[in-house]
Structure formats: C-alpha cells, structure tokens
Amino acid sequence: MSEPTARSSLSVSSAPETSVPETSPQRHRLWSRDFILASLTNFLIAMVFYLLITAMASTRWIASWHRTPSPVSR
C-alpha cells in the first residue's frame, strides 16, 4: 500500500478566466450635455408648477377676500 503524499489531489475549481481588455480608466464628465438638459428641464417644470400653484392660491384668496362683507359698510 502506498502512503498518501503531502499533495492533495483535490482541486479547487474556479470560474473560467476571461480576458479583461486593458483599458485606461476613463473619467466620465458629470456636466455632460444630457445631464445639463435633464437638469434644465426639471428646473423649468418645477418653476411652472410653483408659479401655477401660487397663481391658483392667490386668485382663490383674492376671490374669497372680495366676497366677504366689510364690517364697516353697515
């Protein structure tokens, strides 16, 4: 009978090695054209919403203010 050797016959299987292309790390610009257009569009939509809501609230307040009887007019 042969004695077991110090080497293990078990092999650890790993995922097949894939070749990773050597690319230099590219710096992505934050202020790209798409980012600026998206930010500008979002800002304009927010401004339109704010102006619409404040205009509606002020016209409702003015309309309700004109309907209340004045206590001095008696």
C-alpha atoms as a PDB file:
ATOM      1  CA  MET A   1       0.000   0.000   0.000  1.00  0.00           C
ATOM      2  CA  SER A   2       1.308   3.382  -0.885  1.00  0.00           C
ATOM      3  CA  GLU A   3       1.303   6.135   1.594  1.00  0.00           C
ATOM      4  CA  PRO A   4      -0.622   9.348   0.827  1.00  0.00           C
ATOM      5  CA  THR A   5       1.537  12.124  -0.415  1.00  0.00           C
ATOM      6  CA  ALA A   6       1.614  15.603   1.069  1.00  0.00           C
ATOM      7  CA  ARG A   7      -0.052  16.988  -2.039  1.00  0.00           C
ATOM      8  CA  SER A   8      -3.774  16.984  -2.040  1.00  0.00           C
ATOM      9  CA  SER A   9      -5.484  15.571  -5.048  1.00  0.00           C
ATOM     10  CA  LEU A  10      -8.425  17.924  -4.537  1.00  0.00           C
ATOM     11  CA  SER A  11      -8.506  20.857  -6.884  1.00  0.00           C
ATOM     12  CA  VAL A  12     -10.484  23.998  -6.337  1.00  0.00           C
ATOM     13  CA  SER A  13     -12.463  24.813  -9.409  1.00  0.00           C
ATOM     14  CA  SER A  14     -12.740  28.445 -10.216  1.00  0.00           C
ATOM     15  CA  ALA A  15     -14.656  30.322 -12.822  1.00  0.00           C
ATOM     16  CA  PRO A  16     -13.043  30.213 -16.208  1.00  0.00           C
ATOM     17  CA  GLU A  17     -10.654  33.050 -16.645  1.00  0.00           C
ATOM     18  CA  THR A  18     -11.830  35.632 -19.095  1.00  0.00           C
ATOM     19  CA  SER A  19      -9.571  38.092 -20.697  1.00  0.00           C
ATOM     20  CA  VAL A  20     -10.268  41.579 -19.437  1.00  0.00           C
ATOM     21  CA  PRO A  21      -9.445  44.185 -22.037  1.00  0.00           C
ATOM     22  CA  GLU A  22      -6.770  46.575 -20.955  1.00  0.00           C
ATOM     23  CA  THR A  23      -8.472  49.947 -20.965  1.00  0.00           C
ATOM     24  CA  SER A  24      -7.318  53.102 -19.392  1.00  0.00           C
ATOM     25  CA  PRO A  25      -9.722  54.372 -16.753  1.00  0.00           C
ATOM     26  CA  GLN A  26     -11.928  56.955 -18.394  1.00  0.00           C
ATOM     27  CA  ARG A  27     -13.172  59.907 -16.453  1.00  0.00           C
ATOM     28  CA  HIS A  28     -16.849  60.415 -17.052  1.00  0.00           C
ATOM     29  CA  ARG A  29     -17.882  64.037 -17.107  1.00  0.00           C
ATOM     30  CA  LEU A  30     -20.718  64.886 -14.713  1.00  0.00           C
ATOM     31  CA  TRP A  31     -21.725  68.009 -16.600  1.00  0.00           C
ATOM     32  CA  SER A  32     -22.470  66.231 -19.839  1.00  0.00           C
ATOM     33  CA  ARG A  33     -24.951  67.524 -22.384  1.00  0.00           C
ATOM     34  CA  ASP A  34     -27.634  65.049 -21.280  1.00  0.00           C
ATOM     35  CA  PHE A  35     -27.202  65.957 -17.606  1.00  0.00           C
ATOM     36  CA  ILE A  36     -27.492  69.687 -18.321  1.00  0.00           C
ATOM     37  CA  LEU A  37     -30.622  69.202 -20.447  1.00  0.00           C
ATOM     38  CA  ALA A  38     -32.245  66.962 -17.830  1.00  0.00           C
ATOM     39  CA  SER A  39     -31.440  69.430 -15.042  1.00  0.00           C
ATOM     40  CA  LEU A  40     -32.711  72.395 -17.030  1.00  0.00           C
ATOM     41  CA  THR A  41     -35.913  70.570 -17.952  1.00  0.00           C
ATOM     42  CA  ASN A  42     -36.503  69.573 -14.341  1.00  0.00           C
ATOM     43  CA  PHE A  43     -35.907  73.151 -13.178  1.00  0.00           C
ATOM     44  CA  LEU A  44     -38.351  74.587 -15.722  1.00  0.00           C
ATOM     45  CA  ILE A  45     -41.051  72.066 -14.835  1.00  0.00           C
ATOM     46  CA  ALA A  46     -40.607  72.872 -11.141  1.00  0.00           C
ATOM     47  CA  MET A  47     -40.877  76.615 -11.840  1.00  0.00           C
ATOM     48  CA  VAL A  48     -44.048  76.172 -13.903  1.00  0.00           C
ATOM     49  CA  PHE A  49     -45.547  74.049 -11.130  1.00  0.00           C
ATOM     50  CA  TYR A  50     -44.618  76.588  -8.454  1.00  0.00           C
ATOM     51  CA  LEU A  51     -45.999  79.516 -10.467  1.00  0.00           C
ATOM     52  CA  LEU A  52     -49.196  77.631 -11.261  1.00  0.00           C
ATOM     53  CA  ILE A  53     -49.833  76.686  -7.641  1.00  0.00           C
ATOM     54  CA  THR A  54     -49.110  80.169  -6.303  1.00  0.00           C
ATOM     55  CA  ALA A  55     -51.251  81.788  -9.004  1.00  0.00           C
ATOM     56  CA  MET A  56     -54.156  79.471  -8.215  1.00  0.00           C
ATOM     57  CA  ALA A  57     -53.828  80.092  -4.483  1.00  0.00           C
ATOM     58  CA  SER A  58     -53.619  83.850  -4.868  1.00  0.00           C
ATOM     59  CA  THR A  59     -56.634  84.064  -7.188  1.00  0.00           C
ATOM     60  CA  ARG A  60     -58.664  81.919  -4.802  1.00  0.00           C
ATOM     61  CA  TRP A  61     -57.597  84.105  -1.865  1.00  0.00           C
ATOM     62  CA  ILE A  62     -58.406  87.313  -3.751  1.00  0.00           C
ATOM     63  CA  ALA A  63     -61.786  85.929  -4.824  1.00  0.00           C
ATOM     64  CA  SER A  64     -62.653  84.901  -1.269  1.00  0.00           C
ATOM     65  CA  TRP A  65     -61.419  88.235   0.067  1.00  0.00           C
ATOM     66  CA  HIS A  66     -63.756  90.179  -2.261  1.00  0.00           C
ATOM     67  CA  ARG A  67     -66.776  88.098  -1.249  1.00  0.00           C
ATOM     68  CA  THR A  68     -66.524  88.755   2.471  1.00  0.00           C
ATOM     69  CA  PRO A  69     -68.706  91.595   3.634  1.00  0.00           C
ATOM     70  CA  SER A  70     -66.908  94.504   5.104  1.00  0.00           C
ATOM     71  CA  PRO A  71     -67.844  95.229   8.723  1.00  0.00           C
ATOM     72  CA  VAL A  72     -67.541  98.966   8.102  1.00  0.00           C
ATOM     73  CA  SER A  73     -70.129  99.089   5.272  1.00  0.00           C
ATOM     74  CA  ARG A  74     -73.178  98.951   7.623  1.00  0.00           C
END
